[in-house]
């Protein structure tokens, strides 16, 4: 009887030890998997070709640039305001003066003054 109990105790100990080693190893595998997913999701910088009106040394044409180029070049202008500039330009024609940007809804004089070094006609 005593040998049967010893056998059961040894079996339980071996099962417990193997379960613990798997539990200890699992977090390491999960960390490696998480790190691998992070590497796979890290965006790469796309190679783009210059288009008319795109930023050139940080200066962008408000008459020809895309909304994305305007948003990237102008300080305090996100994609939504940049799309407003493009929509205004499409509706009313090209801008004749940089200060005319103030006519675009959401664009004030302070924003125009802050970006005078970043924009051109």
PDB file of N, CA and C in Angstrom:
ATOM      1  N   UNK A   1       0.803  -1.189   0.000  1.00  0.00           N
ATOM      2  CA  UNK A   1       0.000   0.000   0.000  1.00  0.00           C
ATOM      3  C   UNK A   1       0.846   1.253   0.000  1.00  0.00           C
ATOM      4  N   UNK A   2       1.932   1.203   0.796  1.00  0.00           N
ATOM      5  CA  UNK A   2       2.792   2.373   0.869  1.00  0.00           C
ATOM      6  C   UNK A   2       3.467   2.643  -0.474  1.00  0.00           C
ATOM      7  N   UNK A   3       3.817   1.649  -1.209  1.00  0.00           N
ATOM      8  CA  UNK A   3       4.470   1.857  -2.506  1.00  0.00           C
ATOM      9  C   UNK A   3       3.488   2.445  -3.517  1.00  0.00           C
ATOM     10  N   UNK A   4       2.214   2.111  -3.411  1.00  0.00           N
ATOM     11  CA  UNK A   4       1.188   2.675  -4.295  1.00  0.00           C
ATOM     12  C   UNK A   4       1.008   4.166  -4.053  1.00  0.00           C
ATOM     13  N   UNK A   5       1.041   4.554  -2.785  1.00  0.00           N
ATOM     14  CA  UNK A   5       0.900   5.974  -2.443  1.00  0.00           C
ATOM     15  C   UNK A   5       2.125   6.739  -2.923  1.00  0.00           C
ATOM     16  N   UNK A   6       3.304   6.129  -2.764  1.00  0.00           N
ATOM     17  CA  UNK A   6       4.521   6.771  -3.236  1.00  0.00           C
ATOM     18  C   UNK A   6       4.480   6.952  -4.751  1.00  0.00           C
ATOM     19  N   UNK A   7       3.980   5.981  -5.463  1.00  0.00           N
ATOM     20  CA  UNK A   7       3.891   6.058  -6.928  1.00  0.00           C
ATOM     21  C   UNK A   7       2.941   7.184  -7.341  1.00  0.00           C
ATOM     22  N   UNK A   8       1.820   7.274  -6.652  1.00  0.00           N
ATOM     23  CA  UNK A   8       0.854   8.332  -6.966  1.00  0.00           C
ATOM     24  C   UNK A   8       1.467   9.697  -6.673  1.00  0.00           C
ATOM     25  N   UNK A   9       2.158   9.828  -5.548  1.00  0.00           N
ATOM     26  CA  UNK A   9       2.787  11.107  -5.187  1.00  0.00           C
ATOM     27  C   UNK A   9       3.841  11.496  -6.211  1.00  0.00           C
ATOM     28  N   UNK A  10       4.640  10.552  -6.653  1.00  0.00           N
ATOM     29  CA  UNK A  10       5.669  10.832  -7.656  1.00  0.00           C
ATOM     30  C   UNK A  10       5.008  11.251  -8.975  1.00  0.00           C
ATOM     31  N   UNK A  11       3.947  10.569  -9.361  1.00  0.00           N
ATOM     32  CA  UNK A  11       3.245  10.912 -10.603  1.00  0.00           C
ATOM     33  C   UNK A  11       2.666  12.326 -10.523  1.00  0.00           C
ATOM     34  N   UNK A  12       2.052  12.645  -9.384  1.00  0.00           N
ATOM     35  CA  UNK A  12       1.487  13.990  -9.215  1.00  0.00           C
ATOM     36  C   UNK A  12       2.600  15.035  -9.244  1.00  0.00           C
ATOM     37  N   UNK A  13       3.727  14.749  -8.622  1.00  0.00           N
ATOM     38  CA  UNK A  13       4.848  15.687  -8.603  1.00  0.00           C
ATOM     39  C   UNK A  13       5.387  15.913 -10.021  1.00  0.00           C
ATOM     40  N   UNK A  14       5.507  14.858 -10.793  1.00  0.00           N
ATOM     41  CA  UNK A  14       6.008  14.993 -12.174  1.00  0.00           C
ATOM     42  C   UNK A  14       5.028  15.783 -13.047  1.00  0.00           C
ATOM     43  N   UNK A  15       3.748  15.521 -12.880  1.00  0.00           N
ATOM     44  CA  UNK A  15       2.732  16.250 -13.653  1.00  0.00           C
ATOM     45  C   UNK A  15       2.755  17.724 -13.269  1.00  0.00           C
ATOM     46  N   UNK A  16       2.862  17.991 -11.983  1.00  0.00           N
ATOM     47  CA  UNK A  16       2.905  19.384 -11.507  1.00  0.00           C
ATOM     48  C   UNK A  16       4.145  20.106 -12.008  1.00  0.00           C
ATOM     49  N   UNK A  17       5.283  19.408 -12.007  1.00  0.00           N
ATOM     50  CA  UNK A  17       6.528  20.029 -12.462  1.00  0.00           C
ATOM     51  C   UNK A  17       6.465  20.348 -13.947  1.00  0.00           C
ATOM     52  N   UNK A  18       5.891  19.461 -14.739  1.00  0.00           N
ATOM     53  CA  UNK A  18       5.813  19.729 -16.174  1.00  0.00           C
ATOM     54  C   UNK A  18       4.825  20.862 -16.464  1.00  0.00           C
ATOM     55  N   UNK A  19       3.765  20.947 -15.685  1.00  0.00           N
ATOM     56  CA  UNK A  19       2.794  22.035 -15.865  1.00  0.00           C
ATOM     57  C   UNK A  19       3.420  23.367 -15.489  1.00  0.00           C
ATOM     58  N   UNK A  20       4.224  23.390 -14.431  1.00  0.00           N
ATOM     59  CA  UNK A  20       4.872  24.633 -14.019  1.00  0.00           C
ATOM     60  C   UNK A  20       5.894  25.093 -15.052  1.00  0.00           C
ATOM     61  N   UNK A  21       6.640  24.183 -15.627  1.00  0.00           N
ATOM     62  CA  UNK A  21       7.645  24.585 -16.611  1.00  0.00           C
ATOM     63  C   UNK A  21       6.978  25.146 -17.869  1.00  0.00           C
ATOM     64  N   UNK A  22       5.817  24.620 -18.242  1.00  0.00           N
ATOM     65  CA  UNK A  22       5.088  25.159 -19.390  1.00  0.00           C
ATOM     66  C   UNK A  22       4.545  26.551 -19.063  1.00  0.00           C
ATOM     67  N   UNK A  23       4.083  26.736 -17.833  1.00  0.00           N
ATOM     68  CA  UNK A  23       3.550  28.033 -17.435  1.00  0.00           C
ATOM     69  C   UNK A  23       4.654  29.081 -17.377  1.00  0.00           C
ATOM     70  N   UNK A  24       5.838  28.691 -16.964  1.00  0.00           N
ATOM     71  CA  UNK A  24       6.957  29.619 -16.908  1.00  0.00           C
ATOM     72  C   UNK A  24       7.439  29.952 -18.315  1.00  0.00           C
ATOM     73  N   UNK A  25       7.443  28.991 -19.205  1.00  0.00           N
ATOM     74  CA  UNK A  25       7.916  29.211 -20.570  1.00  0.00           C
ATOM     75  C   UNK A  25       6.914  29.991 -21.412  1.00  0.00           C
ATOM     76  N   UNK A  26       5.648  29.926 -21.110  1.00  0.00           N
ATOM     77  CA  UNK A  26       4.617  30.572 -21.927  1.00  0.00           C
ATOM     78  C   UNK A  26       4.776  32.085 -22.004  1.00  0.00           C
ATOM     79  N   UNK A  27       5.037  32.799 -20.903  1.00  0.00           N
ATOM     80  CA  UNK A  27       5.173  34.251 -21.024  1.00  0.00           C
ATOM     81  C   UNK A  27       6.319  34.669 -21.948  1.00  0.00           C
ATOM     82  N   UNK A  28       7.423  33.935 -21.946  1.00  0.00           N
ATOM     83  CA  UNK A  28       8.531  34.250 -22.827  1.00  0.00           C
ATOM     84  C   UNK A  28       8.106  34.099 -24.274  1.00  0.00           C
ATOM     85  N   UNK A  29       7.401  33.034 -24.579  1.00  0.00           N
ATOM     86  CA  UNK A  29       6.922  32.817 -25.943  1.00  0.00           C
ATOM     87  C   UNK A  29       5.936  33.910 -26.333  1.00  0.00           C
ATOM     88  N   UNK A  30       5.073  34.301 -25.400  1.00  0.00           N
ATOM     89  CA  UNK A  30       4.102  35.353 -25.689  1.00  0.00           C
ATOM     90  C   UNK A  30       4.808  36.679 -25.941  1.00  0.00           C
ATOM     91  N   UNK A  31       5.848  36.970 -25.160  1.00  0.00           N
ATOM     92  CA  UNK A  31       6.595  38.219 -25.372  1.00  0.00           C
ATOM     93  C   UNK A  31       7.264  38.211 -26.737  1.00  0.00           C
ATOM     94  N   UNK A  32       7.869  37.091 -27.122  1.00  0.00           N
ATOM     95  CA  UNK A  32       8.504  37.004 -28.436  1.00  0.00           C
ATOM     96  C   UNK A  32       7.486  37.174 -29.542  1.00  0.00           C
ATOM     97  N   UNK A  33       6.311  36.583 -29.370  1.00  0.00           N
ATOM     98  CA  UNK A  33       5.251  36.695 -30.362  1.00  0.00           C
ATOM     99  C   UNK A  33       4.759  38.139 -30.458  1.00  0.00           C
ATOM    100  N   UNK A  34       4.616  38.795 -29.310  1.00  0.00           N
ATOM    101  CA  UNK A  34       4.181  40.194 -29.295  1.00  0.00           C
ATOM    102  C   UNK A  34       5.228  41.082 -29.970  1.00  0.00           C
ATOM    103  N   UNK A  35       6.482  40.828 -29.688  1.00  0.00           N
ATOM    104  CA  UNK A  35       7.544  41.620 -30.315  1.00  0.00           C
ATOM    105  C   UNK A  35       7.544  41.405 -31.817  1.00  0.00           C
ATOM    106  N   UNK A  36       7.321  40.184 -32.253  1.00  0.00           N
ATOM    107  CA  UNK A  36       7.280  39.889 -33.686  1.00  0.00           C
ATOM    108  C   UNK A  36       6.110  40.606 -34.343  1.00  0.00           C
ATOM    109  N   UNK A  37       4.953  40.640 -33.678  1.00  0.00           N
ATOM    110  CA  UNK A  37       3.800  41.344 -34.228  1.00  0.00           C
ATOM    111  C   UNK A  37       4.088  42.830 -34.319  1.00  0.00           C
ATOM    112  N   UNK A  38       4.786  43.390 -33.322  1.00  0.00           N
ATOM    113  CA  UNK A  38       5.123  44.812 -33.338  1.00  0.00           C
ATOM    114  C   UNK A  38       6.033  45.124 -34.517  1.00  0.00           C
ATOM    115  N   UNK A  39       7.003  44.265 -34.776  1.00  0.00           N
ATOM    116  CA  UNK A  39       7.906  44.480 -35.898  1.00  0.00           C
ATOM    117  C   UNK A  39       7.140  44.425 -37.210  1.00  0.00           C
ATOM    118  N   UNK A  40       6.204  43.494 -37.319  1.00  0.00           N
ATOM    119  CA  UNK A  40       5.439  43.360 -38.549  1.00  0.00           C
ATOM    120  C   UNK A  40       4.512  44.543 -38.773  1.00  0.00           C
ATOM    121  N   UNK A  41       4.021  45.183 -37.687  1.00  0.00           N
ATOM    122  CA  UNK A  41       3.076  46.281 -37.809  1.00  0.00           C
ATOM    123  C   UNK A  41       3.757  47.638 -37.900  1.00  0.00           C
ATOM    124  N   UNK A  42       5.073  47.704 -37.708  1.00  0.00           N
ATOM    125  CA  UNK A  42       5.774  48.965 -37.766  1.00  0.00           C
ATOM    126  C   UNK A  42       5.721  49.484 -39.198  1.00  0.00           C
ATOM    127  N   UNK A  43       5.160  50.684 -39.395  1.00  0.00           N
ATOM    128  CA  UNK A  43       5.042  51.196 -40.753  1.00  0.00           C
ATOM    129  C   UNK A  43       6.395  51.594 -41.315  1.00  0.00           C
ATOM    130  N   UNK A  44       6.542  51.405 -42.593  1.00  0.00           N
ATOM    131  CA  UNK A  44       7.745  51.841 -43.266  1.00  0.00           C
ATOM    132  C   UNK A  44       7.454  53.145 -43.972  1.00  0.00           C
ATOM    133  N   UNK A  45       8.460  53.927 -44.167  1.00  0.00           N
ATOM    134  CA  UNK A  45       8.281  55.208 -44.841  1.00  0.00           C
ATOM    135  C   UNK A  45       8.115  54.945 -46.328  1.00  0.00           C
ATOM    136  N   UNK A  46       6.977  55.373 -46.897  1.00  0.00           N
ATOM    137  CA  UNK A  46       6.767  55.130 -48.319  1.00  0.00           C
ATOM    138  C   UNK A  46       7.636  56.057 -49.163  1.00  0.00           C
ATOM    139  N   UNK A  47       8.045  55.562 -50.297  1.00  0.00           N
ATOM    140  CA  UNK A  47       8.800  56.368 -51.238  1.00  0.00           C
ATOM    141  C   UNK A  47       7.786  57.017 -52.169  1.00  0.00           C
ATOM    142  N   UNK A  48       7.795  58.338 -52.196  1.00  0.00           N
ATOM    143  CA  UNK A  48       6.846  59.056 -53.032  1.00  0.00           C
ATOM    144  C   UNK A  48       7.593  59.939 -54.007  1.00  0.00           C
ATOM    145  N   UNK A  49       6.957  60.201 -55.106  1.00  0.00           N
ATOM    146  CA  UNK A  49       7.536  61.118 -56.074  1.00  0.00           C
ATOM    147  C   UNK A  49       6.893  62.471 -55.899  1.00  0.00           C
ATOM    148  N   UNK A  50       7.638  63.520 -56.180  1.00  0.00           N
ATOM    149  CA  UNK A  50       7.127  64.877 -56.009  1.00  0.00           C
ATOM    150  C   UNK A  50       6.094  65.179 -57.087  1.00  0.00           C
ATOM    151  N   UNK A  51       5.036  65.829 -56.680  1.00  0.00           N
ATOM    152  CA  UNK A  51       3.980  66.246 -57.592  1.00  0.00           C
ATOM    153  C   UNK A  51       3.918  67.761 -57.567  1.00  0.00           C
ATOM    154  N   UNK A  52       3.389  68.377 -58.606  1.00  0.00           N
ATOM    155  CA  UNK A  52       3.265  69.828 -58.569  1.00  0.00           C
ATOM    156  C   UNK A  52       2.439  70.255 -57.369  1.00  0.00           C
ATOM    157  N   UNK A  53       2.951  71.217 -56.623  1.00  0.00           N
ATOM    158  CA  UNK A  53       2.231  71.735 -55.471  1.00  0.00           C
ATOM    159  C   UNK A  53       2.568  71.035 -54.174  1.00  0.00           C
ATOM    160  N   UNK A  54       3.321  69.931 -54.238  1.00  0.00           N
ATOM    161  CA  UNK A  54       3.703  69.259 -53.009  1.00  0.00           C
ATOM    162  C   UNK A  54       4.762  70.080 -52.291  1.00  0.00           C
ATOM    163  N   UNK A  55       4.988  69.761 -51.029  1.00  0.00           N
ATOM    164  CA  UNK A  55       5.931  70.516 -50.217  1.00  0.00           C
ATOM    165  C   UNK A  55       7.325  70.475 -50.838  1.00  0.00           C
ATOM    166  N   UNK A  56       7.946  71.642 -50.943  1.00  0.00           N
ATOM    167  CA  UNK A  56       9.287  71.780 -51.466  1.00  0.00           C
ATOM    168  C   UNK A  56      10.055  72.590 -50.441  1.00  0.00           C
ATOM    169  N   UNK A  57      10.925  71.952 -49.686  1.00  0.00           N
ATOM    170  CA  UNK A  57      11.627  72.602 -48.586  1.00  0.00           C
ATOM    171  C   UNK A  57      10.646  73.172 -47.566  1.00  0.00           C
ATOM    172  N   UNK A  58       9.534  72.502 -47.350  1.00  0.00           N
ATOM    173  CA  UNK A  58       8.559  72.931 -46.366  1.00  0.00           C
ATOM    174  C   UNK A  58       7.585  73.969 -46.879  1.00  0.00           C
ATOM    175  N   UNK A  59       7.720  74.390 -48.139  1.00  0.00           N
ATOM    176  CA  UNK A  59       6.816  75.390 -48.724  1.00  0.00           C
ATOM    177  C   UNK A  59       5.884  74.664 -49.683  1.00  0.00           C
ATOM    178  N   UNK A  60       4.582  74.935 -49.540  1.00  0.00           N
ATOM    179  CA  UNK A  60       3.587  74.245 -50.337  1.00  0.00           C
ATOM    180  C   UNK A  60       2.690  75.274 -51.028  1.00  0.00           C
ATOM    181  N   UNK A  61       2.282  74.982 -52.235  1.00  0.00           N
ATOM    182  CA  UNK A  61       1.403  75.875 -52.981  1.00  0.00           C
ATOM    183  C   UNK A  61      -0.046  75.627 -52.576  1.00  0.00           C
ATOM    184  N   UNK A  62      -0.713  76.670 -52.118  1.00  0.00           N
ATOM    185  CA  UNK A  62      -2.106  76.516 -51.707  1.00  0.00           C
ATOM    186  C   UNK A  62      -3.036  76.387 -52.909  1.00  0.00           C
ATOM    187  N   UNK A  63      -2.534  76.654 -54.116  1.00  0.00           N
ATOM    188  CA  UNK A  63      -3.350  76.549 -55.322  1.00  0.00           C
ATOM    189  C   UNK A  63      -3.262  75.195 -56.005  1.00  0.00           C
ATOM    190  N   UNK A  64      -2.222  74.414 -55.728  1.00  0.00           N
ATOM    191  CA  UNK A  64      -2.064  73.146 -56.438  1.00  0.00           C
ATOM    192  C   UNK A  64      -1.858  71.934 -55.543  1.00  0.00           C
ATOM    193  N   UNK A  65      -1.533  72.144 -54.278  1.00  0.00           N
ATOM    194  CA  UNK A  65      -1.207  71.029 -53.388  1.00  0.00           C
ATOM    195  C   UNK A  65      -2.440  70.212 -53.018  1.00  0.00           C
ATOM    196  N   UNK A  66      -2.212  68.951 -52.775  1.00  0.00           N
ATOM    197  CA  UNK A  66      -3.280  68.074 -52.288  1.00  0.00           C
ATOM    198  C   UNK A  66      -3.552  68.374 -50.822  1.00  0.00           C
ATOM    199  N   UNK A  67      -4.668  67.900 -50.326  1.00  0.00           N
ATOM    200  CA  UNK A  67      -5.018  68.101 -48.916  1.00  0.00           C
ATOM    201  C   UNK A  67      -3.964  67.462 -48.015  1.00  0.00           C
ATOM    202  N   UNK A  68      -3.451  66.313 -48.401  1.00  0.00           N
ATOM    203  CA  UNK A  68      -2.442  65.629 -47.601  1.00  0.00           C
ATOM    204  C   UNK A  68      -1.168  66.463 -47.512  1.00  0.00           C
ATOM    205  N   UNK A  69      -0.746  67.057 -48.649  1.00  0.00           N
ATOM    206  CA  UNK A  69       0.466  67.872 -48.659  1.00  0.00           C
ATOM    207  C   UNK A  69       0.272  69.140 -47.828  1.00  0.00           C
ATOM    208  N   UNK A  70      -0.903  69.742 -47.907  1.00  0.00           N
ATOM    209  CA  UNK A  70      -1.189  70.929 -47.108  1.00  0.00           C
ATOM    210  C   UNK A  70      -1.147  70.606 -45.621  1.00  0.00           C
ATOM    211  N   UNK A  71      -1.776  69.513 -45.239  1.00  0.00           N
ATOM    212  CA  UNK A  71      -1.820  69.117 -43.829  1.00  0.00           C
ATOM    213  C   UNK A  71      -0.424  68.832 -43.297  1.00  0.00           C
ATOM    214  N   UNK A  72       0.413  68.254 -44.123  1.00  0.00           N
ATOM    215  CA  UNK A  72       1.760  67.908 -43.687  1.00  0.00           C
ATOM    216  C   UNK A  72       2.646  69.148 -43.563  1.00  0.00           C
ATOM    217  N   UNK A  73       2.490  70.103 -44.455  1.00  0.00           N
ATOM    218  CA  UNK A  73       3.382  71.260 -44.479  1.00  0.00           C
ATOM    219  C   UNK A  73       2.951  72.386 -43.548  1.00  0.00           C
ATOM    220  N   UNK A  74       1.671  72.514 -43.311  1.00  0.00           N
ATOM    221  CA  UNK A  74       1.177  73.665 -42.555  1.00  0.00           C
ATOM    222  C   UNK A  74       1.046  73.350 -41.066  1.00  0.00           C
ATOM    223  N   UNK A  75       1.493  74.275 -40.247  1.00  0.00           N
ATOM    224  CA  UNK A  75       1.451  74.139 -38.792  1.00  0.00           C
ATOM    225  C   UNK A  75       0.036  74.435 -38.294  1.00  0.00           C
ATOM    226  N   UNK A  76      -0.569  73.514 -37.569  1.00  0.00           N
ATOM    227  CA  UNK A  76      -1.902  73.713 -37.021  1.00  0.00           C
ATOM    228  C   UNK A  76      -3.024  73.374 -37.989  1.00  0.00           C
ATOM    229  N   UNK A  77      -2.681  72.765 -39.113  1.00  0.00           N
ATOM    230  CA  UNK A  77      -3.679  72.386 -40.116  1.00  0.00           C
ATOM    231  C   UNK A  77      -3.660  70.870 -40.243  1.00  0.00           C
ATOM    232  N   UNK A  78      -4.785  70.275 -39.889  1.00  0.00           N
ATOM    233  CA  UNK A  78      -4.919  68.837 -40.050  1.00  0.00           C
ATOM    234  C   UNK A  78      -5.563  68.521 -41.383  1.00  0.00           C
ATOM    235  N   UNK A  79      -5.855  67.266 -41.586  1.00  0.00           N
ATOM    236  CA  UNK A  79      -6.423  66.827 -42.854  1.00  0.00           C
ATOM    237  C   UNK A  79      -7.786  67.458 -43.111  1.00  0.00           C
ATOM    238  N   UNK A  80      -8.583  67.641 -42.077  1.00  0.00           N
ATOM    239  CA  UNK A  80      -9.919  68.197 -42.255  1.00  0.00           C
ATOM    240  C   UNK A  80      -9.856  69.657 -42.730  1.00  0.00           C
ATOM    241  N   UNK A  81      -9.013  70.484 -42.104  1.00  0.00           N
ATOM    242  CA  UNK A  81      -8.866  71.870 -42.546  1.00  0.00           C
ATOM    243  C   UNK A  81      -8.233  71.936 -43.931  1.00  0.00           C
ATOM    244  N   UNK A  82      -7.289  71.047 -44.188  1.00  0.00           N
ATOM    245  CA  UNK A  82      -6.641  71.025 -45.499  1.00  0.00           C
ATOM    246  C   UNK A  82      -7.664  70.673 -46.587  1.00  0.00           C
ATOM    247  N   UNK A  83      -8.579  69.755 -46.282  1.00  0.00           N
ATOM    248  CA  UNK A  83      -9.621  69.412 -47.246  1.00  0.00           C
ATOM    249  C   UNK A  83     -10.566  70.592 -47.456  1.00  0.00           C
ATOM    250  N   UNK A  84     -10.767  71.403 -46.416  1.00  0.00           N
ATOM    251  CA  UNK A  84     -11.585  72.612 -46.560  1.00  0.00           C
ATOM    252  C   UNK A  84     -10.909  73.602 -47.507  1.00  0.00           C
ATOM    253  N   UNK A  85      -9.600  73.711 -47.422  1.00  0.00           N
ATOM    254  CA  UNK A  85      -8.850  74.603 -48.315  1.00  0.00           C
ATOM    255  C   UNK A  85      -8.997  74.139 -49.751  1.00  0.00           C
ATOM    256  N   UNK A  86      -8.849  72.836 -49.982  1.00  0.00           N
ATOM    257  CA  UNK A  86      -8.966  72.292 -51.333  1.00  0.00           C
ATOM    258  C   UNK A  86     -10.392  72.473 -51.857  1.00  0.00           C
ATOM    259  N   UNK A  87     -11.384  72.231 -51.027  1.00  0.00           N
ATOM    260  CA  UNK A  87     -12.782  72.398 -51.448  1.00  0.00           C
ATOM    261  C   UNK A  87     -13.075  73.849 -51.805  1.00  0.00           C
ATOM    262  N   UNK A  88     -12.581  74.764 -50.995  1.00  0.00           N
ATOM    263  CA  UNK A  88     -12.779  76.190 -51.256  1.00  0.00           C
ATOM    264  C   UNK A  88     -12.131  76.561 -52.599  1.00  0.00           C
ATOM    265  N   UNK A  89     -10.912  76.078 -52.804  1.00  0.00           N
ATOM    266  CA  UNK A  89     -10.176  76.350 -54.042  1.00  0.00           C
ATOM    267  C   UNK A  89     -10.918  75.807 -55.257  1.00  0.00           C
ATOM    268  N   UNK A  90     -11.492  74.613 -55.128  1.00  0.00           N
ATOM    269  CA  UNK A  90     -12.231  74.014 -56.244  1.00  0.00           C
ATOM    270  C   UNK A  90     -13.517  74.780 -56.538  1.00  0.00           C
ATOM    271  N   UNK A  91     -14.136  75.322 -55.501  1.00  0.00           N
ATOM    272  CA  UNK A  91     -15.398  76.037 -55.678  1.00  0.00           C
ATOM    273  C   UNK A  91     -15.201  77.463 -56.194  1.00  0.00           C
ATOM    274  N   UNK A  92     -14.208  78.177 -55.666  1.00  0.00           N
ATOM    275  CA  UNK A  92     -14.036  79.594 -55.980  1.00  0.00           C
ATOM    276  C   UNK A  92     -12.836  79.897 -56.877  1.00  0.00           C
ATOM    277  N   UNK A  93     -12.081  78.897 -57.250  1.00  0.00           N
ATOM    278  CA  UNK A  93     -10.916  79.132 -58.101  1.00  0.00           C
ATOM    279  C   UNK A  93      -9.662  79.332 -57.270  1.00  0.00           C
ATOM    280  N   UNK A  94      -8.540  79.516 -57.963  1.00  0.00           N
ATOM    281  CA  UNK A  94      -7.260  79.639 -57.244  1.00  0.00           C
ATOM    282  C   UNK A  94      -7.204  80.904 -56.382  1.00  0.00           C
ATOM    283  N   UNK A  95      -6.412  80.817 -55.331  1.00  0.00           N
ATOM    284  CA  UNK A  95      -6.211  81.954 -54.442  1.00  0.00           C
ATOM    285  C   UNK A  95      -5.359  83.004 -55.159  1.00  0.00           C
ATOM    286  N   UNK A  96      -5.685  84.270 -54.959  1.00  0.00           N
ATOM    287  CA  UNK A  96      -4.926  85.356 -55.568  1.00  0.00           C
ATOM    288  C   UNK A  96      -3.956  85.989 -54.582  1.00  0.00           C
ATOM    289  N   UNK A  97      -4.175  85.771 -53.296  1.00  0.00           N
ATOM    290  CA  UNK A  97      -3.291  86.271 -52.239  1.00  0.00           C
ATOM    291  C   UNK A  97      -3.309  85.272 -51.087  1.00  0.00           C
ATOM    292  N   UNK A  98      -2.199  85.192 -50.375  1.00  0.00           N
ATOM    293  CA  UNK A  98      -2.110  84.250 -49.263  1.00  0.00           C
ATOM    294  C   UNK A  98      -3.130  84.574 -48.172  1.00  0.00           C
ATOM    295  N   UNK A  99      -3.394  85.843 -47.965  1.00  0.00           N
ATOM    296  CA  UNK A  99      -4.338  86.268 -46.937  1.00  0.00           C
ATOM    297  C   UNK A  99      -5.764  85.817 -47.254  1.00  0.00           C
ATOM    298  N   UNK A 100      -6.023  85.468 -48.504  1.00  0.00           N
ATOM    299  CA  UNK A 100      -7.353  85.015 -48.918  1.00  0.00           C
ATOM    300  C   UNK A 100      -7.712  83.682 -48.246  1.00  0.00           C
ATOM    301  N   UNK A 101      -6.730  83.005 -47.697  1.00  0.00           N
ATOM    302  CA  UNK A 101      -6.986  81.758 -46.958  1.00  0.00           C
ATOM    303  C   UNK A 101      -7.941  81.985 -45.795  1.00  0.00           C
ATOM    304  N   UNK A 102      -7.978  83.208 -45.272  1.00  0.00           N
ATOM    305  CA  UNK A 102      -8.851  83.513 -44.141  1.00  0.00           C
ATOM    306  C   UNK A 102     -10.320  83.370 -44.502  1.00  0.00           C
ATOM    307  N   UNK A 103     -10.640  83.335 -45.781  1.00  0.00           N
ATOM    308  CA  UNK A 103     -12.020  83.168 -46.225  1.00  0.00           C
ATOM    309  C   UNK A 103     -12.494  81.718 -46.101  1.00  0.00           C
ATOM    310  N   UNK A 104     -11.548  80.803 -45.928  1.00  0.00           N
ATOM    311  CA  UNK A 104     -11.883  79.387 -45.774  1.00  0.00           C
ATOM    312  C   UNK A 104     -12.412  79.177 -44.360  1.00  0.00           C
ATOM    313  N   UNK A 105     -13.576  78.546 -44.215  1.00  0.00           N
ATOM    314  CA  UNK A 105     -14.116  78.291 -42.869  1.00  0.00           C
ATOM    315  C   UNK A 105     -13.117  77.511 -42.003  1.00  0.00           C
ATOM    316  N   UNK A 106     -12.871  78.006 -40.807  1.00  0.00           N
ATOM    317  CA  UNK A 106     -11.962  77.336 -39.873  1.00  0.00           C
ATOM    318  C   UNK A 106     -10.534  77.835 -39.951  1.00  0.00           C
ATOM    319  N   UNK A 107     -10.243  78.726 -40.894  1.00  0.00           N
ATOM    320  CA  UNK A 107      -8.894  79.270 -41.036  1.00  0.00           C
ATOM    321  C   UNK A 107      -8.943  80.738 -40.637  1.00  0.00           C
ATOM    322  N   UNK A 108      -8.233  81.083 -39.579  1.00  0.00           N
ATOM    323  CA  UNK A 108      -8.221  82.463 -39.095  1.00  0.00           C
ATOM    324  C   UNK A 108      -6.930  83.170 -39.456  1.00  0.00           C
ATOM    325  N   UNK A 109      -6.883  84.446 -39.118  1.00  0.00           N
ATOM    326  CA  UNK A 109      -5.710  85.256 -39.457  1.00  0.00           C
ATOM    327  C   UNK A 109      -4.454  84.769 -38.735  1.00  0.00           C
ATOM    328  N   UNK A 110      -4.593  84.337 -37.493  1.00  0.00           N
ATOM    329  CA  UNK A 110      -3.428  83.844 -36.742  1.00  0.00           C
ATOM    330  C   UNK A 110      -2.842  82.598 -37.405  1.00  0.00           C
ATOM    331  N   UNK A 111      -3.701  81.731 -37.895  1.00  0.00           N
ATOM    332  CA  UNK A 111      -3.245  80.513 -38.563  1.00  0.00           C
ATOM    333  C   UNK A 111      -2.528  80.850 -39.868  1.00  0.00           C
ATOM    334  N   UNK A 112      -3.063  81.815 -40.603  1.00  0.00           N
ATOM    335  CA  UNK A 112      -2.430  82.231 -41.858  1.00  0.00           C
ATOM    336  C   UNK A 112      -1.070  82.847 -41.564  1.00  0.00           C
ATOM    337  N   UNK A 113      -0.988  83.740 -40.583  1.00  0.00           N
ATOM    338  CA  UNK A 113       0.280  84.394 -40.234  1.00  0.00           C
ATOM    339  C   UNK A 113       1.326  83.374 -39.781  1.00  0.00           C
ATOM    340  N   UNK A 114       0.892  82.388 -39.009  1.00  0.00           N
ATOM    341  CA  UNK A 114       1.799  81.346 -38.519  1.00  0.00           C
ATOM    342  C   UNK A 114       2.380  80.525 -39.662  1.00  0.00           C
ATOM    343  N   UNK A 115       1.663  80.431 -40.776  1.00  0.00           N
ATOM    344  CA  UNK A 115       2.079  79.573 -41.881  1.00  0.00           C
ATOM    345  C   UNK A 115       2.592  80.321 -43.104  1.00  0.00           C
ATOM    346  N   UNK A 116       2.793  81.620 -43.003  1.00  0.00           N
ATOM    347  CA  UNK A 116       3.252  82.380 -44.179  1.00  0.00           C
ATOM    348  C   UNK A 116       4.576  81.852 -44.730  1.00  0.00           C
ATOM    349  N   UNK A 117       5.442  81.352 -43.871  1.00  0.00           N
ATOM    350  CA  UNK A 117       6.721  80.815 -44.341  1.00  0.00           C
ATOM    351  C   UNK A 117       6.585  79.403 -44.909  1.00  0.00           C
ATOM    352  N   UNK A 118       5.415  78.799 -44.765  1.00  0.00           N
ATOM    353  CA  UNK A 118       5.213  77.423 -45.240  1.00  0.00           C
ATOM    354  C   UNK A 118       4.373  77.342 -46.514  1.00  0.00           C
ATOM    355  N   UNK A 119       3.783  78.473 -46.934  1.00  0.00           N
ATOM    356  CA  UNK A 119       2.859  78.442 -48.069  1.00  0.00           C
ATOM    357  C   UNK A 119       3.267  79.435 -49.152  1.00  0.00           C
ATOM    358  N   UNK A 120       2.827  79.158 -50.356  1.00  0.00           N
ATOM    359  CA  UNK A 120       2.991  80.056 -51.489  1.00  0.00           C
ATOM    360  C   UNK A 120       1.781  79.897 -52.386  1.00  0.00           C
ATOM    361  N   UNK A 121       1.646  80.812 -53.359  1.00  0.00           N
ATOM    362  CA  UNK A 121       0.529  80.723 -54.295  1.00  0.00           C
ATOM    363  C   UNK A 121       0.785  79.685 -55.354  1.00  0.00           C
TER     364      UNK A 121
END
